[in-house]
N, C-alpha and C. Protein backbone atom coordinates (compact mmCIF):
# COMPACT_ATOMS: atom_id res chain seq x y z
N UNK A 1 29.23 -6.25 -12.29
CA UNK A 1 27.95 -5.85 -11.75
C UNK A 1 27.75 -4.36 -12.03
N UNK A 2 26.61 -4.00 -12.57
CA UNK A 2 26.30 -2.62 -12.90
C UNK A 2 25.46 -2.02 -11.77
N UNK A 3 25.85 -0.86 -11.30
CA UNK A 3 25.10 -0.17 -10.26
C UNK A 3 24.23 0.89 -10.93
N UNK A 4 22.93 0.83 -10.66
CA UNK A 4 21.99 1.79 -11.22
C UNK A 4 21.56 2.76 -10.14
N UNK A 5 21.52 4.02 -10.48
CA UNK A 5 21.09 5.04 -9.54
C UNK A 5 19.64 5.39 -9.82
N UNK A 6 18.81 5.36 -8.80
CA UNK A 6 17.41 5.71 -8.95
C UNK A 6 17.24 7.22 -8.91
N UNK A 7 16.41 7.73 -9.79
CA UNK A 7 16.14 9.16 -9.85
C UNK A 7 14.68 9.38 -9.50
N UNK A 8 14.42 9.95 -8.32
CA UNK A 8 13.07 10.20 -7.87
C UNK A 8 12.44 11.42 -8.52
N UNK A 9 13.22 12.20 -9.25
CA UNK A 9 12.75 13.41 -9.93
C UNK A 9 12.03 14.36 -8.98
N UNK A 10 12.63 14.54 -7.80
CA UNK A 10 12.08 15.43 -6.80
C UNK A 10 12.44 16.86 -7.20
N UNK A 11 11.45 17.78 -7.22
CA UNK A 11 11.75 19.16 -7.60
C UNK A 11 12.74 19.82 -6.64
N UNK A 12 13.44 20.82 -7.16
CA UNK A 12 14.42 21.55 -6.37
C UNK A 12 13.72 22.46 -5.37
N UNK A 13 14.43 22.86 -4.34
CA UNK A 13 13.94 23.87 -3.42
C UNK A 13 13.52 23.32 -2.08
N UNK A 14 13.02 24.23 -1.25
CA UNK A 14 12.57 23.90 0.09
C UNK A 14 11.29 23.07 0.01
N UNK A 15 11.04 22.28 1.04
CA UNK A 15 9.89 21.36 1.04
C UNK A 15 8.57 22.11 0.83
N UNK A 16 8.43 23.27 1.43
CA UNK A 16 7.18 24.02 1.31
C UNK A 16 6.97 24.61 -0.08
N UNK A 17 8.02 24.68 -0.89
CA UNK A 17 7.93 25.29 -2.21
C UNK A 17 8.00 24.27 -3.35
N UNK A 18 8.19 22.99 -3.06
CA UNK A 18 8.42 21.99 -4.10
C UNK A 18 7.24 21.87 -5.07
N UNK A 19 6.00 21.87 -4.56
CA UNK A 19 4.84 21.72 -5.43
C UNK A 19 4.70 22.93 -6.35
N UNK A 20 4.91 24.12 -5.83
CA UNK A 20 4.84 25.32 -6.67
C UNK A 20 5.90 25.28 -7.76
N UNK A 21 7.11 24.87 -7.41
CA UNK A 21 8.19 24.77 -8.40
C UNK A 21 7.85 23.74 -9.47
N UNK A 22 7.29 22.61 -9.05
CA UNK A 22 6.94 21.56 -10.02
C UNK A 22 5.86 22.04 -10.98
N UNK A 23 4.82 22.69 -10.46
CA UNK A 23 3.74 23.18 -11.33
C UNK A 23 4.25 24.24 -12.30
N UNK A 24 5.18 25.08 -11.85
CA UNK A 24 5.70 26.15 -12.69
C UNK A 24 6.55 25.61 -13.84
N UNK A 25 7.34 24.55 -13.57
CA UNK A 25 8.26 24.01 -14.57
C UNK A 25 7.65 22.89 -15.42
N UNK A 26 6.43 22.44 -15.09
CA UNK A 26 5.81 21.31 -15.76
C UNK A 26 5.41 21.68 -17.19
N UNK A 27 5.69 20.78 -18.12
CA UNK A 27 5.29 20.98 -19.51
C UNK A 27 3.88 20.43 -19.69
N UNK A 28 3.01 21.22 -20.27
CA UNK A 28 1.62 20.81 -20.46
C UNK A 28 1.46 20.07 -21.79
N UNK A 29 0.50 19.18 -21.83
CA UNK A 29 0.20 18.44 -23.06
C UNK A 29 -1.04 19.07 -23.67
N UNK A 30 -0.89 19.67 -24.83
CA UNK A 30 -2.05 20.23 -25.51
C UNK A 30 -2.43 19.33 -26.68
N UNK A 31 -3.59 19.53 -27.27
CA UNK A 31 -4.04 18.64 -28.35
C UNK A 31 -3.08 18.56 -29.53
N UNK A 32 -2.28 19.60 -29.77
CA UNK A 32 -1.37 19.58 -30.92
C UNK A 32 -0.26 18.55 -30.74
N UNK A 33 0.24 18.37 -29.52
CA UNK A 33 1.34 17.42 -29.34
C UNK A 33 0.94 16.23 -28.47
N UNK A 34 -0.35 15.99 -28.31
CA UNK A 34 -0.83 14.89 -27.48
C UNK A 34 -0.45 13.54 -28.04
N UNK A 35 -0.33 13.43 -29.34
CA UNK A 35 -0.02 12.13 -29.96
C UNK A 35 1.45 11.72 -29.78
N UNK A 36 2.28 12.59 -29.25
CA UNK A 36 3.68 12.26 -29.02
C UNK A 36 3.87 11.37 -27.80
N UNK A 37 2.87 11.30 -26.94
CA UNK A 37 2.98 10.57 -25.68
C UNK A 37 2.17 9.29 -25.72
N UNK A 38 2.70 8.24 -25.11
CA UNK A 38 1.97 6.98 -24.97
C UNK A 38 1.78 6.73 -23.49
N UNK A 39 0.54 6.45 -23.09
CA UNK A 39 0.21 6.27 -21.69
C UNK A 39 -0.48 4.94 -21.51
N UNK A 40 -0.08 4.20 -20.49
CA UNK A 40 -0.75 2.96 -20.12
C UNK A 40 -1.40 3.20 -18.77
N UNK A 41 -2.71 3.01 -18.70
CA UNK A 41 -3.45 3.18 -17.45
C UNK A 41 -3.67 1.81 -16.85
N UNK A 42 -3.17 1.63 -15.62
CA UNK A 42 -3.36 0.37 -14.92
C UNK A 42 -4.37 0.63 -13.82
N UNK A 43 -5.52 0.03 -13.94
CA UNK A 43 -6.57 0.21 -12.94
C UNK A 43 -7.91 -0.08 -13.55
N UNK A 44 -8.84 -0.44 -12.71
CA UNK A 44 -10.19 -0.73 -13.17
C UNK A 44 -11.17 0.08 -12.35
N UNK A 45 -12.40 0.02 -12.75
CA UNK A 45 -13.43 0.74 -12.01
C UNK A 45 -13.45 2.21 -12.36
N UNK A 46 -13.92 3.00 -11.42
CA UNK A 46 -14.09 4.43 -11.67
C UNK A 46 -12.76 5.16 -11.83
N UNK A 47 -11.76 4.74 -11.07
CA UNK A 47 -10.46 5.43 -11.16
C UNK A 47 -9.83 5.23 -12.53
N UNK A 48 -9.83 3.99 -13.04
CA UNK A 48 -9.26 3.72 -14.35
C UNK A 48 -10.06 4.37 -15.46
N UNK A 49 -11.39 4.31 -15.35
CA UNK A 49 -12.24 4.91 -16.36
C UNK A 49 -12.08 6.42 -16.40
N UNK A 50 -11.97 7.03 -15.22
CA UNK A 50 -11.80 8.48 -15.15
C UNK A 50 -10.45 8.90 -15.75
N UNK A 51 -9.41 8.14 -15.46
CA UNK A 51 -8.09 8.44 -16.00
C UNK A 51 -8.09 8.34 -17.52
N UNK A 52 -8.72 7.28 -18.06
CA UNK A 52 -8.78 7.11 -19.51
C UNK A 52 -9.61 8.21 -20.16
N UNK A 53 -10.72 8.57 -19.56
CA UNK A 53 -11.58 9.59 -20.14
C UNK A 53 -10.88 10.96 -20.15
N UNK A 54 -10.10 11.25 -19.13
CA UNK A 54 -9.44 12.54 -19.09
C UNK A 54 -8.27 12.61 -20.06
N UNK A 55 -7.71 11.45 -20.43
CA UNK A 55 -6.62 11.43 -21.41
C UNK A 55 -7.19 11.58 -22.80
């Protein structure tokens, strides 16, 4: 039996600083390297359409 460990990818630091740390370390997707990523949007209606349009 193989045991798998789940990784929540929670940013380091105190709870009040986690969002700031995540935004600071986050890699942005610009038009030059946008084609390297594949995204599947699951959803319909305005939320799904908005997500697809922004991608």
